[in-house]
Amino acid sequence: MGRQYNELSNKDIQFISQQKMFFVGTATADSRVNISPKGMDSFRVLSESRVIWLNVTGSGNETSAHVQQNPRMTIMFCAFEGEPLILRFYGSAKVIHKNDTEWEELFGMFKPLPGARQIFDLSIDFVQSSCGMAVPYFNYVGERELLSDWAVKKGEDGLKSYWEEKNQQSIDGIPTHIVEKNG
């Protein structure tokens, strides 16, 4: 059944590399809890205690707003095929924008994705696995290209306008600083 430990094991890292999606949870002390599903080729394990993921433009920007006020983040992977497993890791995250010094080095670890707006860097301090026996089987059919196609069609100027209109604050009114930090 479940286990608790302080860093990812080699088995955990292998499991992560086979997954097609993950979930991110964040909140401030008094905001709504946000849980976001993520896909694409947007996740990298840097070590047993550090992971990064590339965030692309979407309808909201809750994770960025939350992390800038409260760096607490949870990431969850679960097996939809093969042996059942739920893997959660918890830690302290920071948001990295295009104008930050770490951007170039970390962005270089990903295949460029249209609409890339932030990278999240998570220092893991707790890992928990659980059985996942109630998670149903699902078949992976393929990636949706809709978001990438949308971002390409928008272009850089269109994305910046979208950020100004839709991504500057969370649903709770917390600022994201996306416009000033992504130039």
Protein backbone atom coordinates (compact mmCIF):
# COMPACT_ATOMS: atom_id res chain seq x y z
CA MET A 1 0.00 0.00 0.00
CA GLY A 2 1.25 3.51 0.77
CA ARG A 3 4.73 4.74 1.64
CA GLN A 4 6.13 8.05 2.83
CA TYR A 5 9.68 9.25 2.27
CA ASN A 6 11.74 12.42 1.69
CA GLU A 7 12.78 12.16 -1.96
CA LEU A 8 11.92 10.42 -5.20
CA SER A 9 13.29 6.93 -5.71
CA ASN A 10 14.64 5.59 -9.01
CA LYS A 11 11.40 3.62 -9.33
CA ASP A 12 9.39 6.84 -8.86
CA ILE A 13 11.45 8.63 -11.51
CA GLN A 14 10.92 5.75 -13.94
CA PHE A 15 7.17 5.84 -13.25
CA ILE A 16 7.05 9.62 -13.85
CA SER A 17 8.86 9.24 -17.18
CA GLN A 18 6.10 6.95 -18.45
CA GLN A 19 3.16 9.20 -17.52
CA LYS A 20 1.33 11.41 -20.01
CA MET A 21 -0.24 13.80 -17.50
CA PHE A 22 0.10 15.13 -13.98
CA PHE A 23 -1.85 17.35 -11.61
CA VAL A 24 -0.64 20.44 -9.76
CA GLY A 25 -2.24 21.76 -6.55
CA THR A 26 -1.61 25.19 -5.00
CA ALA A 27 -3.32 27.70 -2.71
CA THR A 28 -2.52 30.71 -0.62
CA ALA A 29 -3.58 30.88 3.01
CA ASP A 30 -6.98 32.30 2.07
CA SER A 31 -7.51 31.64 -1.65
CA ARG A 32 -9.42 28.94 -3.43
CA VAL A 33 -7.45 25.72 -3.86
CA ASN A 34 -6.42 25.28 -7.48
CA ILE A 35 -5.85 21.88 -9.08
CA SER A 36 -4.64 21.90 -12.67
CA PRO A 37 -4.18 18.96 -15.03
CA LYS A 38 -1.00 19.22 -17.13
CA GLY A 39 0.15 17.37 -20.20
CA MET A 40 2.44 17.83 -23.20
CA ASP A 41 6.15 17.14 -22.81
CA SER A 42 6.41 19.64 -19.97
CA PHE A 43 7.91 17.84 -16.96
CA ARG A 44 11.54 17.18 -15.99
CA VAL A 45 13.10 15.48 -12.97
CA LEU A 46 16.39 17.21 -12.17
CA SER A 47 17.21 15.12 -9.08
CA GLU A 48 15.57 13.03 -6.38
CA SER A 49 14.49 16.25 -4.67
CA ARG A 50 13.99 18.74 -7.52
CA VAL A 51 11.62 18.85 -10.49
CA ILE A 52 10.65 21.54 -13.00
CA TRP A 53 7.70 21.91 -15.32
CA LEU A 54 7.04 24.24 -18.20
CA ASN A 55 3.77 26.14 -18.00
CA VAL A 56 2.04 27.28 -21.19
CA THR A 57 -0.53 30.02 -21.63
CA GLY A 58 -4.01 29.06 -20.50
CA SER A 59 -7.26 30.65 -19.50
CA GLY A 60 -6.04 31.36 -15.97
CA ASN A 61 -2.79 31.75 -14.10
CA GLU A 62 -3.69 30.56 -10.61
CA THR A 63 -0.55 28.53 -9.95
CA SER A 64 1.74 31.49 -10.57
CA ALA A 65 -0.31 33.83 -8.38
CA HIS A 66 -0.42 31.29 -5.54
CA VAL A 67 3.27 30.34 -5.62
CA GLN A 68 4.37 33.97 -5.50
CA GLN A 69 2.44 34.40 -2.22
CA ASN A 70 2.80 30.91 -0.78
CA PRO A 71 5.38 28.58 -2.37
CA ARG A 72 3.59 25.41 -1.24
CA MET A 73 2.90 23.02 -4.16
CA THR A 74 1.72 19.43 -4.56
CA ILE A 75 2.21 17.41 -7.73
CA MET A 76 0.35 14.17 -8.34
CA PHE A 77 0.85 11.45 -10.91
CA CYS A 78 -1.42 8.42 -11.13
CA ALA A 79 -1.30 5.28 -13.23
CA PHE A 80 -4.11 4.96 -15.75
CA GLU A 81 -2.54 1.80 -17.19
CA GLY A 82 -0.33 -0.95 -15.81
CA GLU A 83 0.16 -1.46 -12.09
CA PRO A 84 -1.92 0.89 -9.89
CA LEU A 85 -0.06 3.73 -8.21
CA ILE A 86 -0.67 7.28 -7.03
CA LEU A 87 2.48 9.32 -6.47
CA ARG A 88 2.33 12.70 -4.75
CA PHE A 89 5.18 14.97 -3.89
CA TYR A 90 5.09 18.11 -1.83
CA GLY A 91 7.46 20.99 -1.47
CA SER A 92 8.37 24.59 -2.02
CA ALA A 93 8.11 26.03 -5.53
CA LYS A 94 9.19 29.16 -7.26
CA VAL A 95 7.96 30.61 -10.52
CA ILE A 96 10.52 31.51 -13.14
CA HIS A 97 9.58 34.06 -15.80
CA LYS A 98 11.28 34.76 -19.12
CA ASN A 99 13.19 37.75 -17.70
CA ASP A 100 14.60 35.75 -14.76
CA THR A 101 18.24 34.62 -14.96
CA GLU A 102 17.37 30.91 -14.64
CA TRP A 103 14.95 30.96 -17.60
CA GLU A 104 17.40 30.23 -20.44
CA GLU A 105 19.11 27.31 -18.73
CA LEU A 106 15.88 25.65 -17.58
CA PHE A 107 13.89 26.42 -20.74
CA GLY A 108 16.66 24.70 -22.71
CA MET A 109 15.72 21.42 -21.03
CA PHE A 110 12.39 21.37 -22.88
CA LYS A 111 11.31 21.10 -26.45
CA PRO A 112 10.01 24.63 -27.07
CA LEU A 113 6.25 24.72 -26.63
CA PRO A 114 4.17 27.50 -28.19
CA GLY A 115 2.77 29.82 -25.52
CA ALA A 116 5.40 28.99 -22.88
CA ARG A 117 5.01 31.57 -20.12
CA GLN A 118 6.61 30.26 -16.91
CA ILE A 119 8.67 27.45 -15.45
CA PHE A 120 7.94 26.12 -11.98
CA ASP A 121 10.87 24.81 -9.95
CA LEU A 122 9.85 22.55 -7.05
CA SER A 123 12.15 21.54 -4.19
CA ILE A 124 10.63 18.33 -2.84
CA ASP A 125 10.54 17.74 0.89
CA PHE A 126 8.00 14.91 1.14
CA VAL A 127 6.91 12.06 -1.14
CA GLN A 128 3.91 9.82 -0.66
CA SER A 129 2.77 6.85 -2.70
CA SER A 130 -0.56 5.13 -2.36
CA CYS A 131 -2.18 2.14 -3.99
CA GLY A 132 -4.31 3.72 -6.70
CA MET A 133 -6.46 0.61 -6.88
CA ALA A 134 -9.63 2.65 -7.44
CA VAL A 135 -8.19 4.69 -10.35
CA PRO A 136 -9.79 3.39 -13.56
CA TYR A 137 -7.91 2.29 -16.66
CA PHE A 138 -7.77 4.78 -19.51
CA ASN A 139 -6.15 4.40 -22.89
CA TYR A 140 -3.80 7.10 -24.14
CA VAL A 141 -4.87 8.10 -27.65
CA GLY A 142 -2.56 11.03 -28.28
CA GLU A 143 -1.76 14.65 -27.53
CA ARG A 144 -4.22 17.43 -28.23
CA GLU A 145 -2.60 20.06 -30.40
CA LEU A 146 -5.36 22.64 -29.88
CA LEU A 147 -3.52 24.77 -27.30
CA SER A 148 -0.27 24.78 -29.28
CA ASP A 149 -2.13 25.65 -32.49
CA TRP A 150 -3.95 28.47 -30.67
CA ALA A 151 -0.68 29.90 -29.31
CA VAL A 152 1.03 29.75 -32.71
CA LYS A 153 -1.93 31.54 -34.30
CA LYS A 154 -1.85 34.23 -31.57
CA GLY A 155 1.88 34.89 -32.05
CA GLU A 156 4.11 36.61 -29.50
CA ASP A 157 2.25 39.94 -29.58
CA GLY A 158 -1.12 38.22 -29.37
CA LEU A 159 0.03 36.16 -26.38
CA LYS A 160 1.26 39.25 -24.57
CA SER A 161 -2.10 40.91 -25.17
CA TYR A 162 -3.85 37.80 -23.88
CA TRP A 163 -1.66 37.82 -20.75
CA GLU A 164 -2.59 41.46 -20.16
CA GLU A 165 -6.28 40.71 -20.53
CA LYS A 166 -6.65 37.27 -18.92
CA ASN A 167 -3.54 36.26 -16.95
CA GLN A 168 -2.58 39.19 -14.70
CA GLN A 169 -4.49 38.06 -11.63
CA SER A 170 -6.01 34.93 -10.17
CA ILE A 171 -9.73 34.40 -9.75
CA ASP A 172 -9.24 35.69 -6.19
CA GLY A 173 -7.55 38.88 -7.43
CA ILE A 174 -3.98 37.85 -6.58
CA PRO A 175 -1.42 39.39 -8.98
CA THR A 176 0.67 37.13 -11.23
CA HIS A 177 3.20 39.75 -12.45
CA ILE A 178 3.24 38.00 -15.83
CA VAL A 179 3.35 41.12 -17.98
CA GLU A 180 6.20 42.89 -16.19
CA LYS A 181 8.25 39.71 -15.65
CA ASN A 182 7.88 38.33 -19.17
CA GLY A 183 8.56 41.64 -20.94
